[in-house]
């Protein structure tokens, strides 16, 4: 199985996950949201399927894609476990540094 983190890290695949969040869509419907070829989107969907993040139902020639709830829960749990107090502290430090830089620029202008 492909690593879910790696699969979801690619911007086009993240966008596909967002597009599938409201409900299932065909490959054609998903392709309309991209400038890429339908073949490229199908390859991205294949990676998401291999990672367990997306399921497909075949009806005749039509393939309907939807999020795999178990795969998405597993990915969310991994992300949650990764988000530690150290990352919270780092994010807070980054926000205060950014705010400090904005305040310094405002003092230079005023």
C-alpha atoms as a PDB file:
ATOM      1  CA  UNK A   1       0.000   0.000   0.000  1.00  0.00           C
ATOM      2  CA  UNK A   2       1.218   3.512  -0.815  1.00  0.00           C
ATOM      3  CA  UNK A   3       1.797   5.820   2.139  1.00  0.00           C
ATOM      4  CA  UNK A   4      -1.260   8.039   2.681  1.00  0.00           C
ATOM      5  CA  UNK A   5       0.913  11.012   3.729  1.00  0.00           C
ATOM      6  CA  UNK A   6       2.889  10.797   0.511  1.00  0.00           C
ATOM      7  CA  UNK A   7      -0.250  10.420  -1.590  1.00  0.00           C
ATOM      8  CA  UNK A   8      -2.019  13.375   0.059  1.00  0.00           C
ATOM      9  CA  UNK A   9       1.090  15.581  -0.027  1.00  0.00           C
ATOM     10  CA  UNK A  10       0.876  16.175  -3.783  1.00  0.00           C
ATOM     11  CA  UNK A  11      -1.217  19.324  -4.504  1.00  0.00           C
ATOM     12  CA  UNK A  12      -3.384  17.830  -7.270  1.00  0.00           C
ATOM     13  CA  UNK A  13      -4.219  14.816  -5.131  1.00  0.00           C
ATOM     14  CA  UNK A  14      -5.086  17.058  -2.151  1.00  0.00           C
ATOM     15  CA  UNK A  15      -7.391  19.000  -4.457  1.00  0.00           C
ATOM     16  CA  UNK A  16      -9.048  15.755  -5.568  1.00  0.00           C
ATOM     17  CA  UNK A  17      -9.666  14.857  -1.929  1.00  0.00           C
ATOM     18  CA  UNK A  18     -11.289  18.267  -1.386  1.00  0.00           C
ATOM     19  CA  UNK A  19     -13.445  17.835  -4.492  1.00  0.00           C
ATOM     20  CA  UNK A  20     -14.607  14.424  -3.272  1.00  0.00           C
ATOM     21  CA  UNK A  21     -15.428  15.615   0.252  1.00  0.00           C
ATOM     22  CA  UNK A  22     -19.052  16.586  -0.596  1.00  0.00           C
ATOM     23  CA  UNK A  23     -19.747  13.252  -2.310  1.00  0.00           C
ATOM     24  CA  UNK A  24     -18.872  10.944  -5.166  1.00  0.00           C
ATOM     25  CA  UNK A  25     -17.944  12.199  -8.613  1.00  0.00           C
ATOM     26  CA  UNK A  26     -16.958  10.633 -11.905  1.00  0.00           C
ATOM     27  CA  UNK A  27     -13.445  10.888 -13.281  1.00  0.00           C
ATOM     28  CA  UNK A  28     -14.807  13.207 -15.964  1.00  0.00           C
ATOM     29  CA  UNK A  29     -16.378  15.543 -13.421  1.00  0.00           C
ATOM     30  CA  UNK A  30     -13.137  15.629 -11.442  1.00  0.00           C
ATOM     31  CA  UNK A  31     -11.062  16.247 -14.577  1.00  0.00           C
ATOM     32  CA  UNK A  32     -13.096  19.367 -15.367  1.00  0.00           C
ATOM     33  CA  UNK A  33     -11.584  21.064 -12.305  1.00  0.00           C
ATOM     34  CA  UNK A  34      -8.025  20.688 -13.659  1.00  0.00           C
ATOM     35  CA  UNK A  35      -5.999  21.813 -16.639  1.00  0.00           C
ATOM     36  CA  UNK A  36      -4.289  18.402 -16.618  1.00  0.00           C
ATOM     37  CA  UNK A  37      -5.347  15.618 -18.935  1.00  0.00           C
ATOM     38  CA  UNK A  38      -7.995  13.153 -17.864  1.00  0.00           C
ATOM     39  CA  UNK A  39      -5.302  10.480 -17.962  1.00  0.00           C
ATOM     40  CA  UNK A  40      -3.178  12.426 -15.454  1.00  0.00           C
ATOM     41  CA  UNK A  41      -6.176  12.793 -13.127  1.00  0.00           C
ATOM     42  CA  UNK A  42      -6.880   9.068 -13.437  1.00  0.00           C
ATOM     43  CA  UNK A  43      -3.279   8.363 -12.422  1.00  0.00           C
ATOM     44  CA  UNK A  44      -3.650  10.619  -9.358  1.00  0.00           C
ATOM     45  CA  UNK A  45      -6.890   8.829  -8.472  1.00  0.00           C
ATOM     46  CA  UNK A  46      -5.046   5.516  -8.794  1.00  0.00           C
ATOM     47  CA  UNK A  47      -2.449   6.673  -6.271  1.00  0.00           C
ATOM     48  CA  UNK A  48      -5.190   7.803  -3.874  1.00  0.00           C
ATOM     49  CA  UNK A  49      -6.909   4.420  -4.267  1.00  0.00           C
ATOM     50  CA  UNK A  50      -3.646   2.562  -3.630  1.00  0.00           C
ATOM     51  CA  UNK A  51      -3.155   4.658  -0.480  1.00  0.00           C
ATOM     52  CA  UNK A  52      -6.635   3.684   0.726  1.00  0.00           C
ATOM     53  CA  UNK A  53      -7.962   7.251   0.623  1.00  0.00           C
ATOM     54  CA  UNK A  54     -10.398   6.860  -2.292  1.00  0.00           C
ATOM     55  CA  UNK A  55     -12.762   4.093  -3.419  1.00  0.00           C
ATOM     56  CA  UNK A  56     -14.194   3.546  -6.884  1.00  0.00           C
ATOM     57  CA  UNK A  57     -17.480   1.980  -7.962  1.00  0.00           C
ATOM     58  CA  UNK A  58     -17.728   0.850 -11.586  1.00  0.00           C
ATOM     59  CA  UNK A  59     -21.087   1.031 -13.330  1.00  0.00           C
ATOM     60  CA  UNK A  60     -20.750   0.083 -16.979  1.00  0.00           C
ATOM     61  CA  UNK A  61     -18.103   2.376 -18.436  1.00  0.00           C
ATOM     62  CA  UNK A  62     -18.511   4.962 -15.687  1.00  0.00           C
ATOM     63  CA  UNK A  63     -16.285   5.048 -12.614  1.00  0.00           C
ATOM     64  CA  UNK A  64     -17.576   6.890  -9.568  1.00  0.00           C
ATOM     65  CA  UNK A  65     -14.978   7.967  -7.012  1.00  0.00           C
ATOM     66  CA  UNK A  66     -15.591   8.732  -3.352  1.00  0.00           C
ATOM     67  CA  UNK A  67     -13.529   9.198  -0.230  1.00  0.00           C
ATOM     68  CA  UNK A  68     -12.742   6.057   1.743  1.00  0.00           C
ATOM     69  CA  UNK A  69     -13.891   6.980   5.279  1.00  0.00           C
ATOM     70  CA  UNK A  70     -11.544   4.499   6.984  1.00  0.00           C
ATOM     71  CA  UNK A  71      -8.562   5.740   5.004  1.00  0.00           C
ATOM     72  CA  UNK A  72      -9.363   9.372   5.739  1.00  0.00           C
ATOM     73  CA  UNK A  73      -9.813   8.646   9.461  1.00  0.00           C
ATOM     74  CA  UNK A  74      -6.458   6.846   9.479  1.00  0.00           C
ATOM     75  CA  UNK A  75      -4.754   9.807   7.736  1.00  0.00           C
ATOM     76  CA  UNK A  76      -6.340  12.272  10.150  1.00  0.00           C
ATOM     77  CA  UNK A  77      -5.183  10.191  13.136  1.00  0.00           C
ATOM     78  CA  UNK A  78      -1.627  10.162  11.778  1.00  0.00           C
ATOM     79  CA  UNK A  79      -1.673  13.926  11.265  1.00  0.00           C
ATOM     80  CA  UNK A  80      -3.123  14.453  14.740  1.00  0.00           C
ATOM     81  CA  UNK A  81      -0.442  12.271  16.334  1.00  0.00           C
ATOM     82  CA  UNK A  82       2.217  14.212  14.456  1.00  0.00           C
ATOM     83  CA  UNK A  83       0.932  17.541  15.750  1.00  0.00           C
ATOM     84  CA  UNK A  84       2.760  17.779  19.060  1.00  0.00           C
ATOM     85  CA  UNK A  85       3.177  20.514  21.633  1.00  0.00           C
ATOM     86  CA  UNK A  86       6.509  21.331  19.989  1.00  0.00           C
ATOM     87  CA  UNK A  87       4.716  22.129  16.723  1.00  0.00           C
ATOM     88  CA  UNK A  88       2.165  24.239  18.598  1.00  0.00           C
ATOM     89  CA  UNK A  89       5.057  26.158  20.179  1.00  0.00           C
ATOM     90  CA  UNK A  90       6.773  26.570  16.812  1.00  0.00           C
ATOM     91  CA  UNK A  91       3.547  27.857  15.206  1.00  0.00           C
ATOM     92  CA  UNK A  92       3.032  30.335  18.059  1.00  0.00           C
ATOM     93  CA  UNK A  93       6.621  31.536  17.685  1.00  0.00           C
ATOM     94  CA  UNK A  94       6.163  31.971  13.940  1.00  0.00           C
ATOM     95  CA  UNK A  95       2.974  34.000  14.493  1.00  0.00           C
ATOM     96  CA  UNK A  96       4.665  36.257  17.050  1.00  0.00           C
ATOM     97  CA  UNK A  97       7.689  36.733  14.776  1.00  0.00           C
ATOM     98  CA  UNK A  98       5.424  37.657  11.874  1.00  0.00           C
ATOM     99  CA  UNK A  99       3.456  40.058  14.071  1.00  0.00           C
ATOM    100  CA  UNK A 100       6.712  41.589  15.304  1.00  0.00           C
ATOM    101  CA  UNK A 101       7.892  42.126  11.721  1.00  0.00           C
ATOM    102  CA  UNK A 102       4.592  43.821  10.820  1.00  0.00           C
ATOM    103  CA  UNK A 103       4.793  46.051  13.925  1.00  0.00           C
ATOM    104  CA  UNK A 104       8.383  47.042  13.051  1.00  0.00           C
ATOM    105  CA  UNK A 105       7.366  47.971   9.500  1.00  0.00           C
ATOM    106  CA  UNK A 106       4.451  50.028  10.807  1.00  0.00           C
ATOM    107  CA  UNK A 107       6.822  51.925  13.135  1.00  0.00           C
ATOM    108  CA  UNK A 108       9.120  52.692  10.187  1.00  0.00           C
ATOM    109  CA  UNK A 109       6.178  54.117   8.225  1.00  0.00           C
ATOM    110  CA  UNK A 110       4.757  56.164  11.107  1.00  0.00           C
END
